[in-house]
């Protein structure tokens, strides 16, 4: 068979811009329309409109919900055009105003030093690393012989960047994670091939609590890295001592424990005395215990726009995590690092946490009270004792809004944004059908925003339920 008389085009296309390998021939349309060609194009990325794009990696659950709000039917008053008309109870950020009683005022201007104009170290500037180490020693390591130094701290441009750096330096391992948990873990766990991510569902019956026995089971089946948020996103629950210490004892010399502690300041278990929850308290040797802690200015200092976070852990881990920033993210903004140093004075932080906890527990109680009045029922295990989230059970709602996606869609009609629970059922390998998810009849509702936004959002949710 000869191809000499066939015309191959590099520019031919149909009305929609789809290129064909053959033009001017009767079978050109067949390439577009036949079943087998359509199946082939669907199965092979090179034959998609954007061959190099995997759109499934484009956003996390929170971003997905915001994008849907942008595209709502209220185009003339949509979230993109008029965000003040909406109540965004989906965004995982606290209010950032200077109105919280007892809270210190955040900087309105920042002086930029000459060194702030230069590239900074990818592990962060030494003075800030020292300030972070001192904060942990004063708040969590008093009287302990092993103390953190600046070499135990890496500054990173946000929590996600910190997680990605950690993932980049892990060895060939089984990494255990728990369901439900933070949506961005899903993308992070699917980016790298140096470890296999193994899900471990938690039980709704006991409030998705992480028991020490659960950790033992994970290690017994070969897991050598464990990742979890504590306090937990989205359930609003926290593992405290003595259970937290037991978990660390089980992991010691057997598994690397990665603790996302961004909500450690939102702790309502100690009468709002400013105490933060951290695994740093139970570390025996700061350079031998494989415990990596992630926190920053984002949540408990209410500065998400600064993108200043840190990782605390053994020196060898920190050295590797600092170095890989050179090819992953380039490091954190130097002027903001410099401005962060005075904020981390331990006495100032304790006063700030006391003000934060007092303010946010009042908002929590307001939100739970309104939701009960609307008709939601809370088992004791679902009342949050930390974070600023409510893991809202929809199973008692009318069928039309008894699952997270339909409830989310109904809320959009009232200009309210929530996050469907399905996004917290992490599925990085795409091996499970999430429409069978145990998280389907939940949404995550944030009481991070200002009180007037919470009122507006709860009014909208009430209208959804009363329809």
Protein backbone atom coordinates (compact mmCIF):
# COMPACT_ATOMS: atom_id res chain seq x y z
CA UNK A 1 0.00 0.00 0.00
CA UNK A 2 1.38 3.38 -1.03
CA UNK A 3 0.93 6.68 0.75
CA UNK A 4 2.42 8.72 -2.10
CA UNK A 5 -0.92 9.96 -3.42
CA UNK A 6 -2.39 10.95 -0.04
CA UNK A 7 -2.39 14.55 1.15
CA UNK A 8 -1.27 15.11 4.73
CA UNK A 9 -2.13 18.45 6.22
CA UNK A 10 -0.46 20.33 9.05
CA UNK A 11 -3.06 23.07 9.08
CA UNK A 12 -6.44 21.58 8.23
CA UNK A 13 -9.14 21.80 10.87
CA UNK A 14 -12.87 21.64 11.33
CA UNK A 15 -15.07 24.56 12.37
CA UNK A 16 -14.21 23.95 16.02
CA UNK A 17 -10.50 24.10 15.40
CA UNK A 18 -9.90 20.35 15.73
CA UNK A 19 -6.94 19.34 13.56
CA UNK A 20 -7.12 16.26 11.33
CA UNK A 21 -4.28 14.10 10.11
CA UNK A 22 -5.90 13.87 6.66
CA UNK A 23 -7.80 16.57 4.76
CA UNK A 24 -9.53 16.62 1.42
CA UNK A 25 -10.56 12.98 1.79
CA UNK A 26 -14.03 11.49 2.47
CA UNK A 27 -12.82 9.79 5.66
CA UNK A 28 -11.72 13.05 7.28
CA UNK A 29 -15.08 13.50 9.00
CA UNK A 30 -14.99 9.86 10.01
CA UNK A 31 -11.87 10.58 12.06
CA UNK A 32 -13.87 13.08 14.06
CA UNK A 33 -17.16 11.23 14.37
CA UNK A 34 -16.62 7.48 14.36
CA UNK A 35 -17.03 5.72 17.67
CA UNK A 36 -13.61 4.13 17.65
CA UNK A 37 -11.87 7.45 16.92
CA UNK A 38 -13.80 9.20 19.64
CA UNK A 39 -12.83 6.46 22.07
CA UNK A 40 -9.21 6.73 21.00
CA UNK A 41 -9.11 10.48 21.44
CA UNK A 42 -10.73 10.20 24.86
CA UNK A 43 -8.21 7.59 25.98
CA UNK A 44 -5.04 9.26 24.69
CA UNK A 45 -3.98 12.61 26.04
CA UNK A 46 -2.09 13.47 22.88
CA UNK A 47 -5.39 13.66 21.00
CA UNK A 48 -7.15 16.03 23.40
CA UNK A 49 -7.63 19.73 22.64
CA UNK A 50 -4.79 20.57 25.08
CA UNK A 51 -2.51 17.56 24.84
CA UNK A 52 -0.24 18.53 27.73
CA UNK A 53 -2.97 19.54 30.19
CA UNK A 54 -4.40 17.43 32.99
CA UNK A 55 -7.28 19.66 34.17
CA UNK A 56 -7.96 17.38 37.13
CA UNK A 57 -4.86 18.86 38.79
CA UNK A 58 -6.03 22.43 38.36
CA UNK A 59 -7.77 22.96 41.70
CA UNK A 60 -8.54 21.63 45.14
CA UNK A 61 -12.06 21.28 46.51
CA UNK A 62 -12.08 24.77 48.00
CA UNK A 63 -10.99 26.33 44.70
CA UNK A 64 -13.58 24.25 42.82
CA UNK A 65 -16.39 25.60 44.98
CA UNK A 66 -15.19 29.17 44.50
CA UNK A 67 -15.04 28.70 40.74
CA UNK A 68 -18.64 27.48 40.77
CA UNK A 69 -19.62 30.59 42.70
CA UNK A 70 -17.94 32.66 39.99
CA UNK A 71 -20.11 30.88 37.40
CA UNK A 72 -23.37 31.04 39.33
CA UNK A 73 -26.55 32.15 37.64
CA UNK A 74 -26.24 35.48 39.46
CA UNK A 75 -23.82 36.61 36.78
CA UNK A 76 -24.58 40.28 37.29
CA UNK A 77 -24.02 39.88 41.03
CA UNK A 78 -21.71 36.85 41.01
CA UNK A 79 -19.02 36.13 43.55
CA UNK A 80 -16.30 37.35 41.18
CA UNK A 81 -18.01 40.67 40.51
CA UNK A 82 -19.56 41.33 43.91
CA UNK A 83 -17.99 39.18 46.67
CA UNK A 84 -19.41 41.39 49.44
CA UNK A 85 -22.92 40.22 48.53
CA UNK A 86 -21.92 36.63 49.23
CA UNK A 87 -21.14 34.64 52.37
CA UNK A 88 -18.08 32.52 51.69
CA UNK A 89 -18.23 29.85 54.39
CA UNK A 90 -16.05 27.58 52.29
CA UNK A 91 -12.74 29.42 52.33
CA UNK A 92 -10.31 27.97 54.88
CA UNK A 93 -9.07 31.30 56.18
CA UNK A 94 -9.74 33.32 59.34
CA UNK A 95 -10.88 36.92 59.42
CA UNK A 96 -7.88 39.22 58.99
CA UNK A 97 -9.15 42.51 60.47
CA UNK A 98 -7.61 44.20 63.51
CA UNK A 99 -10.92 44.13 65.41
CA UNK A 100 -10.39 41.14 67.72
CA UNK A 101 -10.19 42.29 71.33
CA UNK A 102 -6.74 41.65 72.82
CA UNK A 103 -5.12 40.87 69.46
CA UNK A 104 -2.07 42.86 68.36
CA UNK A 105 -2.40 45.09 65.32
CA UNK A 106 -0.83 43.69 62.18
CA UNK A 107 1.67 45.75 60.17
CA UNK A 108 0.17 48.09 57.59
CA UNK A 109 3.53 48.90 56.02
CA UNK A 110 6.80 46.98 55.84
CA UNK A 111 10.29 48.42 55.70
CA UNK A 112 12.40 46.67 53.10
CA UNK A 113 16.06 46.30 54.01
CA UNK A 114 18.86 46.02 51.49
CA UNK A 115 19.04 42.29 52.17
CA UNK A 116 15.31 42.14 51.51
CA UNK A 117 16.00 43.08 47.91
CA UNK A 118 18.23 40.06 47.43
CA UNK A 119 17.45 36.41 46.93
CA UNK A 120 17.00 34.84 50.33
CA UNK A 121 18.19 31.41 51.50
CA UNK A 122 15.76 28.73 50.38
CA UNK A 123 15.62 27.49 53.99
CA UNK A 124 14.73 30.98 55.23
CA UNK A 125 16.66 33.76 56.94
CA UNK A 126 18.49 32.76 60.10
CA UNK A 127 16.87 35.33 62.47
CA UNK A 128 13.38 34.03 61.69
CA UNK A 129 14.49 30.42 61.99
CA UNK A 130 15.92 31.29 65.42
CA UNK A 131 12.66 33.00 66.43
CA UNK A 132 10.60 29.94 65.46
CA UNK A 133 12.94 27.59 67.36
CA UNK A 134 12.76 29.80 70.45
CA UNK A 135 8.95 29.91 70.30
CA UNK A 136 8.73 26.10 70.30
CA UNK A 137 11.29 25.75 73.07
CA UNK A 138 9.49 28.24 75.34
CA UNK A 139 5.96 26.96 74.67
CA UNK A 140 6.60 23.22 74.35
CA UNK A 141 10.10 22.25 75.53
CA UNK A 142 10.58 23.91 78.90
CA UNK A 143 12.93 21.86 81.07
CA UNK A 144 13.74 19.34 78.33
CA UNK A 145 17.43 18.66 77.62
CA UNK A 146 16.95 18.52 73.86
CA UNK A 147 16.14 21.94 72.40
CA UNK A 148 15.40 23.14 68.88
CA UNK A 149 17.92 25.43 67.17
CA UNK A 150 17.68 27.43 63.96
CA UNK A 151 19.01 24.37 62.12
CA UNK A 152 15.80 22.53 63.06
CA UNK A 153 13.64 25.09 61.22
CA UNK A 154 12.97 25.68 57.53
CA UNK A 155 10.92 28.68 56.38
CA UNK A 156 8.66 27.95 53.39
CA UNK A 157 6.28 30.03 51.22
CA UNK A 158 3.06 28.63 52.66
CA UNK A 159 1.83 25.32 54.02
CA UNK A 160 1.28 23.68 50.64
CA UNK A 161 4.84 24.50 49.61
CA UNK A 162 6.03 22.97 52.87
CA UNK A 163 4.08 19.77 52.27
CA UNK A 164 5.40 19.50 48.71
CA UNK A 165 8.97 19.98 49.92
CA UNK A 166 8.53 17.21 52.47
CA UNK A 167 7.04 14.93 49.83
CA UNK A 168 9.98 15.61 47.53
CA UNK A 169 12.55 14.30 50.03
CA UNK A 170 10.70 11.18 51.21
CA UNK A 171 12.24 7.86 50.29
CA UNK A 172 10.55 4.85 48.74
CA UNK A 173 7.84 4.24 51.33
CA UNK A 174 4.22 3.55 52.09
CA UNK A 175 2.68 6.82 53.28
CA UNK A 176 -0.44 6.47 55.40
CA UNK A 177 -3.07 9.20 55.57
CA UNK A 178 -6.51 9.37 57.12
CA UNK A 179 -9.95 10.05 55.69
CA UNK A 180 -11.38 12.67 55.92
CA UNK A 181 -8.57 15.22 55.82
CA UNK A 182 -7.31 18.41 54.16
CA UNK A 183 -8.22 18.57 50.45
CA UNK A 184 -4.82 19.79 49.21
CA UNK A 185 -3.21 16.54 50.44
CA UNK A 186 -4.93 14.89 47.48
CA UNK A 187 -2.88 16.77 44.90
CA UNK A 188 0.33 16.63 46.92
CA UNK A 189 0.06 12.86 47.37
CA UNK A 190 -0.43 12.32 43.64
CA UNK A 191 2.49 14.45 42.42
CA UNK A 192 5.39 12.25 43.49
CA UNK A 193 6.26 8.64 42.67
CA UNK A 194 8.82 8.11 45.45
CA UNK A 195 6.11 6.86 47.83
CA UNK A 196 2.78 5.06 47.67
CA UNK A 197 -0.11 6.80 49.44
CA UNK A 198 -2.32 4.42 51.44
CA UNK A 199 -5.70 5.69 52.72
CA UNK A 200 -7.04 4.74 56.13
CA UNK A 201 -10.71 5.62 56.77
CA UNK A 202 -11.65 6.84 60.23
CA UNK A 203 -14.94 6.00 61.90
CA UNK A 204 -17.78 8.49 61.94
CA UNK A 205 -19.17 6.65 64.97
CA UNK A 206 -16.44 8.05 67.24
CA UNK A 207 -15.98 11.41 65.58
CA UNK A 208 -13.18 10.35 63.20
CA UNK A 209 -10.80 10.11 66.14
CA UNK A 210 -7.25 8.90 65.52
CA UNK A 211 -6.61 6.25 68.18
CA UNK A 212 -3.12 4.99 69.04
CA UNK A 213 -4.29 1.49 68.04
CA UNK A 214 -5.00 2.83 64.56
CA UNK A 215 -1.41 4.02 64.27
CA UNK A 216 -0.16 0.62 65.41
CA UNK A 217 -2.24 -1.04 62.70
CA UNK A 218 -0.81 1.27 60.04
CA UNK A 219 2.77 0.54 61.04
CA UNK A 220 2.06 -3.19 61.26
CA UNK A 221 1.01 -3.25 57.62
CA UNK A 222 4.25 -1.61 56.50
CA UNK A 223 3.51 2.11 56.65
CA UNK A 224 6.69 4.06 57.36
CA UNK A 225 5.39 7.63 56.90
CA UNK A 226 2.19 8.97 58.46
CA UNK A 227 0.63 12.31 57.47
CA UNK A 228 -2.21 13.97 59.36
CA UNK A 229 -3.58 17.33 60.38
CA UNK A 230 -3.90 17.95 64.12
CA UNK A 231 -6.12 19.77 64.98
CA UNK A 232 -8.04 18.11 62.21
CA UNK A 233 -9.42 19.67 59.08
CA UNK A 234 -12.36 19.27 58.32
CA UNK A 235 -13.81 17.67 61.46
CA UNK A 236 -12.64 20.28 63.99
CA UNK A 237 -11.35 17.66 66.43
CA UNK A 238 -7.93 17.52 68.08
CA UNK A 239 -5.81 14.70 69.50
CA UNK A 240 -4.26 15.88 72.79
CA UNK A 241 -1.99 14.29 75.35
CA UNK A 242 -1.79 11.62 76.62
CA UNK A 243 -3.05 10.03 73.35
CA UNK A 244 -0.83 12.24 71.20
CA UNK A 245 2.21 11.17 73.25
CA UNK A 246 1.19 7.52 72.83
CA UNK A 247 1.00 7.97 69.06
CA UNK A 248 4.48 9.46 69.02
CA UNK A 249 5.82 6.66 71.19
CA UNK A 250 4.43 4.12 68.73
CA UNK A 251 6.04 5.91 65.77
CA UNK A 252 9.43 6.47 67.41
CA UNK A 253 12.17 4.60 65.49
CA UNK A 254 9.50 3.02 63.27
CA UNK A 255 7.82 5.73 61.21
CA UNK A 256 8.19 9.37 60.19
CA UNK A 257 5.28 11.40 61.57
CA UNK A 258 4.25 14.50 59.58
CA UNK A 259 1.97 16.72 61.65
CA UNK A 260 0.11 19.58 59.98
CA UNK A 261 -0.44 21.86 63.01
CA UNK A 262 -1.76 24.98 61.29
CA UNK A 263 -4.83 25.06 63.55
CA UNK A 264 -2.91 24.44 66.78
CA UNK A 265 -3.81 27.89 68.11
CA UNK A 266 -7.54 27.30 67.65
CA UNK A 267 -7.66 25.06 70.71
CA UNK A 268 -10.79 25.13 72.90
CA UNK A 269 -9.85 22.24 75.19
CA UNK A 270 -7.97 24.32 77.81
CA UNK A 271 -10.45 27.09 78.70
CA UNK A 272 -9.02 29.45 76.09
CA UNK A 273 -5.86 30.05 78.11
CA UNK A 274 -3.69 30.54 75.01
CA UNK A 275 -2.26 27.02 75.06
CA UNK A 276 -1.45 25.61 71.62
CA UNK A 277 -1.46 21.93 70.69
CA UNK A 278 1.80 20.60 69.26
CA UNK A 279 3.60 17.28 68.99
CA UNK A 280 6.79 19.23 69.83
CA UNK A 281 5.92 18.68 73.48
CA UNK A 282 6.46 14.92 73.21
CA UNK A 283 9.63 14.84 71.13
CA UNK A 284 12.44 13.22 73.10
CA UNK A 285 15.37 14.20 70.88
CA UNK A 286 14.82 16.96 68.34
CA UNK A 287 17.37 15.41 65.96
CA UNK A 288 16.48 11.75 66.42
CA UNK A 289 12.67 11.69 66.61
CA UNK A 290 11.32 11.61 63.05
CA UNK A 291 8.59 14.19 63.71
CA UNK A 292 8.03 16.99 61.19
CA UNK A 293 5.77 19.87 62.27
CA UNK A 294 4.18 22.33 59.84
CA UNK A 295 2.72 25.67 60.94
CA UNK A 296 3.02 29.34 60.07
CA UNK A 297 1.47 32.79 60.07
CA UNK A 298 -1.45 31.73 57.88
CA UNK A 299 -4.07 30.55 60.37
CA UNK A 300 -3.23 31.37 63.96
CA UNK A 301 -1.59 34.70 63.14
CA UNK A 302 -4.35 35.43 60.61
CA UNK A 303 -1.98 36.45 57.81
CA UNK A 304 -2.78 34.05 54.93
CA UNK A 305 -1.66 36.57 52.32
CA UNK A 306 1.90 36.71 53.64
CA UNK A 307 2.65 33.08 52.67
CA UNK A 308 5.12 32.60 55.52
CA UNK A 309 5.18 29.14 57.09
CA UNK A 310 7.72 26.82 58.65
CA UNK A 311 8.70 23.20 59.11
CA UNK A 312 10.29 22.08 62.36
CA UNK A 313 12.12 18.76 62.58
CA UNK A 314 15.46 16.88 62.73
CA UNK A 315 18.43 18.72 61.24
CA UNK A 316 19.04 16.15 58.50
CA UNK A 317 15.44 16.39 57.33
CA UNK A 318 15.52 20.19 57.48
CA UNK A 319 18.74 20.36 55.49
CA UNK A 320 17.17 18.33 52.67
CA UNK A 321 13.87 20.23 52.82
CA UNK A 322 15.72 23.55 52.67
CA UNK A 323 17.81 22.49 49.70
CA UNK A 324 14.95 21.20 47.57
CA UNK A 325 13.37 24.65 47.71
CA UNK A 326 15.95 25.70 45.13
CA UNK A 327 14.12 23.72 42.43
CA UNK A 328 10.58 23.71 43.82
CA UNK A 329 9.61 27.20 44.92
CA UNK A 330 12.66 29.43 45.35
CA UNK A 331 11.97 30.24 48.99
CA UNK A 332 9.79 32.62 50.98
CA UNK A 333 9.56 36.39 50.57
CA UNK A 334 12.44 37.98 52.52
CA UNK A 335 10.79 41.28 53.60
CA UNK A 336 7.84 39.39 55.08
CA UNK A 337 10.22 37.03 56.86
CA UNK A 338 11.94 40.02 58.44
CA UNK A 339 8.61 41.55 59.46
CA UNK A 340 7.49 38.27 61.06
CA UNK A 341 10.34 38.08 63.60
CA UNK A 342 8.89 40.39 66.31
CA UNK A 343 5.50 38.66 66.09
CA UNK A 344 7.00 35.43 67.44
CA UNK A 345 8.03 36.71 70.88
CA UNK A 346 6.63 33.89 73.09
CA UNK A 347 4.75 36.11 75.56
CA UNK A 348 3.15 38.05 72.74
CA UNK A 349 2.12 34.83 71.00
CA UNK A 350 0.51 33.46 74.19
CA UNK A 351 -1.55 36.65 74.60
CA UNK A 352 -2.51 36.52 70.93
CA UNK A 353 -3.64 32.89 71.20
CA UNK A 354 -5.74 33.71 74.25
CA UNK A 355 -7.52 36.47 72.35
CA UNK A 356 -7.92 34.24 69.29
CA UNK A 357 -9.44 31.35 71.23
CA UNK A 358 -11.86 33.56 73.16
CA UNK A 359 -13.07 35.21 69.96
CA UNK A 360 -13.43 32.07 67.87
CA UNK A 361 -15.13 29.92 70.48
CA UNK A 362 -17.81 32.61 70.70
CA UNK A 363 -18.27 32.41 66.93
CA UNK A 364 -18.37 28.63 67.09
CA UNK A 365 -21.13 28.70 69.70
CA UNK A 366 -23.11 31.25 67.68
CA UNK A 367 -22.91 29.14 64.51
CA UNK A 368 -23.83 25.89 66.27
CA UNK A 369 -26.78 27.61 67.96
CA UNK A 370 -28.13 28.94 64.68
CA UNK A 371 -27.67 25.61 62.93
CA UNK A 372 -29.60 23.84 65.72
CA UNK A 373 -32.40 26.40 65.39
CA UNK A 374 -32.52 25.72 61.65
CA UNK A 375 -32.97 22.00 62.30
CA UNK A 376 -29.53 20.42 62.22
CA UNK A 377 -28.73 17.85 64.89
CA UNK A 378 -25.25 17.54 66.37
CA UNK A 379 -23.99 14.45 68.08
CA UNK A 380 -21.47 15.30 70.79
CA UNK A 381 -18.72 13.77 68.66
CA UNK A 382 -19.34 16.34 65.91
CA UNK A 383 -19.07 19.44 68.13
CA UNK A 384 -15.67 20.93 67.20
CA UNK A 385 -13.14 21.41 69.99
CA UNK A 386 -10.58 23.13 67.72
CA UNK A 387 -10.07 24.79 64.30
CA UNK A 388 -12.82 27.03 62.86
CA UNK A 389 -14.79 24.36 61.01
CA UNK A 390 -18.08 22.55 61.44
CA UNK A 391 -18.35 19.13 59.81
CA UNK A 392 -22.06 19.42 59.08
CA UNK A 393 -24.12 16.23 58.79
CA UNK A 394 -26.88 16.55 56.17
CA UNK A 395 -28.40 13.12 56.61
CA UNK A 396 -31.39 14.54 58.50
CA UNK A 397 -32.21 17.08 55.80
CA UNK A 398 -34.84 16.67 53.05
CA UNK A 399 -33.72 14.33 50.28
CA UNK A 400 -33.16 17.18 47.82
CA UNK A 401 -30.35 18.60 50.02
CA UNK A 402 -29.20 15.55 51.98
CA UNK A 403 -25.89 15.18 50.14
CA UNK A 404 -23.02 17.64 49.98
CA UNK A 405 -23.09 18.43 46.27
CA UNK A 406 -26.81 19.18 46.12
CA UNK A 407 -26.65 21.19 49.35
CA UNK A 408 -23.72 23.16 47.91
CA UNK A 409 -25.66 23.87 44.72
CA UNK A 410 -28.72 25.01 46.68
CA UNK A 411 -26.55 27.30 48.80
CA UNK A 412 -25.12 28.92 45.66
CA UNK A 413 -28.65 30.05 44.82
CA UNK A 414 -28.59 31.98 48.11
CA UNK A 415 -25.07 33.31 47.51
CA UNK A 416 -23.54 31.11 50.18
CA UNK A 417 -20.44 28.97 49.61
CA UNK A 418 -19.73 25.74 51.52
CA UNK A 419 -17.45 22.80 50.65
CA UNK A 420 -19.00 19.39 49.86
CA UNK A 421 -17.64 16.67 52.11
CA UNK A 422 -16.68 14.49 49.17
CA UNK A 423 -13.57 16.63 48.63
CA UNK A 424 -12.17 15.53 51.98
CA UNK A 425 -12.39 11.86 51.03
CA UNK A 426 -8.87 11.88 49.63
CA UNK A 427 -8.43 9.69 46.57
CA UNK A 428 -5.04 10.57 45.04
CA UNK A 429 -4.68 7.39 43.00
CA UNK A 430 -8.28 7.68 41.66
CA UNK A 431 -8.90 4.04 42.56
CA UNK A 432 -12.25 4.51 44.30
CA UNK A 433 -15.65 5.74 43.12
CA UNK A 434 -16.19 8.74 45.36
CA UNK A 435 -19.94 8.65 44.84
CA UNK A 436 -19.92 5.80 47.33
CA UNK A 437 -18.03 7.99 49.78
CA UNK A 438 -19.00 8.06 53.48
CA UNK A 439 -18.31 11.81 53.33
CA UNK A 440 -21.07 12.39 50.76
CA UNK A 441 -23.69 13.53 53.28
CA UNK A 442 -21.45 16.17 54.88
CA UNK A 443 -20.30 19.67 54.07
CA UNK A 444 -17.55 21.66 55.73
CA UNK A 445 -18.70 25.02 56.99
CA UNK A 446 -16.13 27.61 58.12
CA UNK A 447 -16.72 30.09 60.93
CA UNK A 448 -13.46 31.80 60.04
CA UNK A 449 -15.13 34.87 58.47
CA UNK A 450 -16.36 37.96 60.33
CA UNK A 451 -19.57 37.70 62.33
CA UNK A 452 -21.66 39.67 59.83
CA UNK A 453 -20.64 37.23 57.09
CA UNK A 454 -21.59 34.30 59.31
CA UNK A 455 -25.02 35.83 59.94
CA UNK A 456 -25.58 36.38 56.22
CA UNK A 457 -24.47 32.85 55.42
CA UNK A 458 -26.65 31.23 58.07
CA UNK A 459 -29.64 33.26 56.89
CA UNK A 460 -29.03 31.85 53.42
CA UNK A 461 -28.71 28.29 54.73
CA UNK A 462 -31.98 28.73 56.61
CA UNK A 463 -33.72 29.78 53.39
CA UNK A 464 -32.31 26.67 51.64
CA UNK A 465 -33.73 24.40 54.37
CA UNK A 466 -37.12 26.18 54.59
CA UNK A 467 -37.89 26.08 50.86
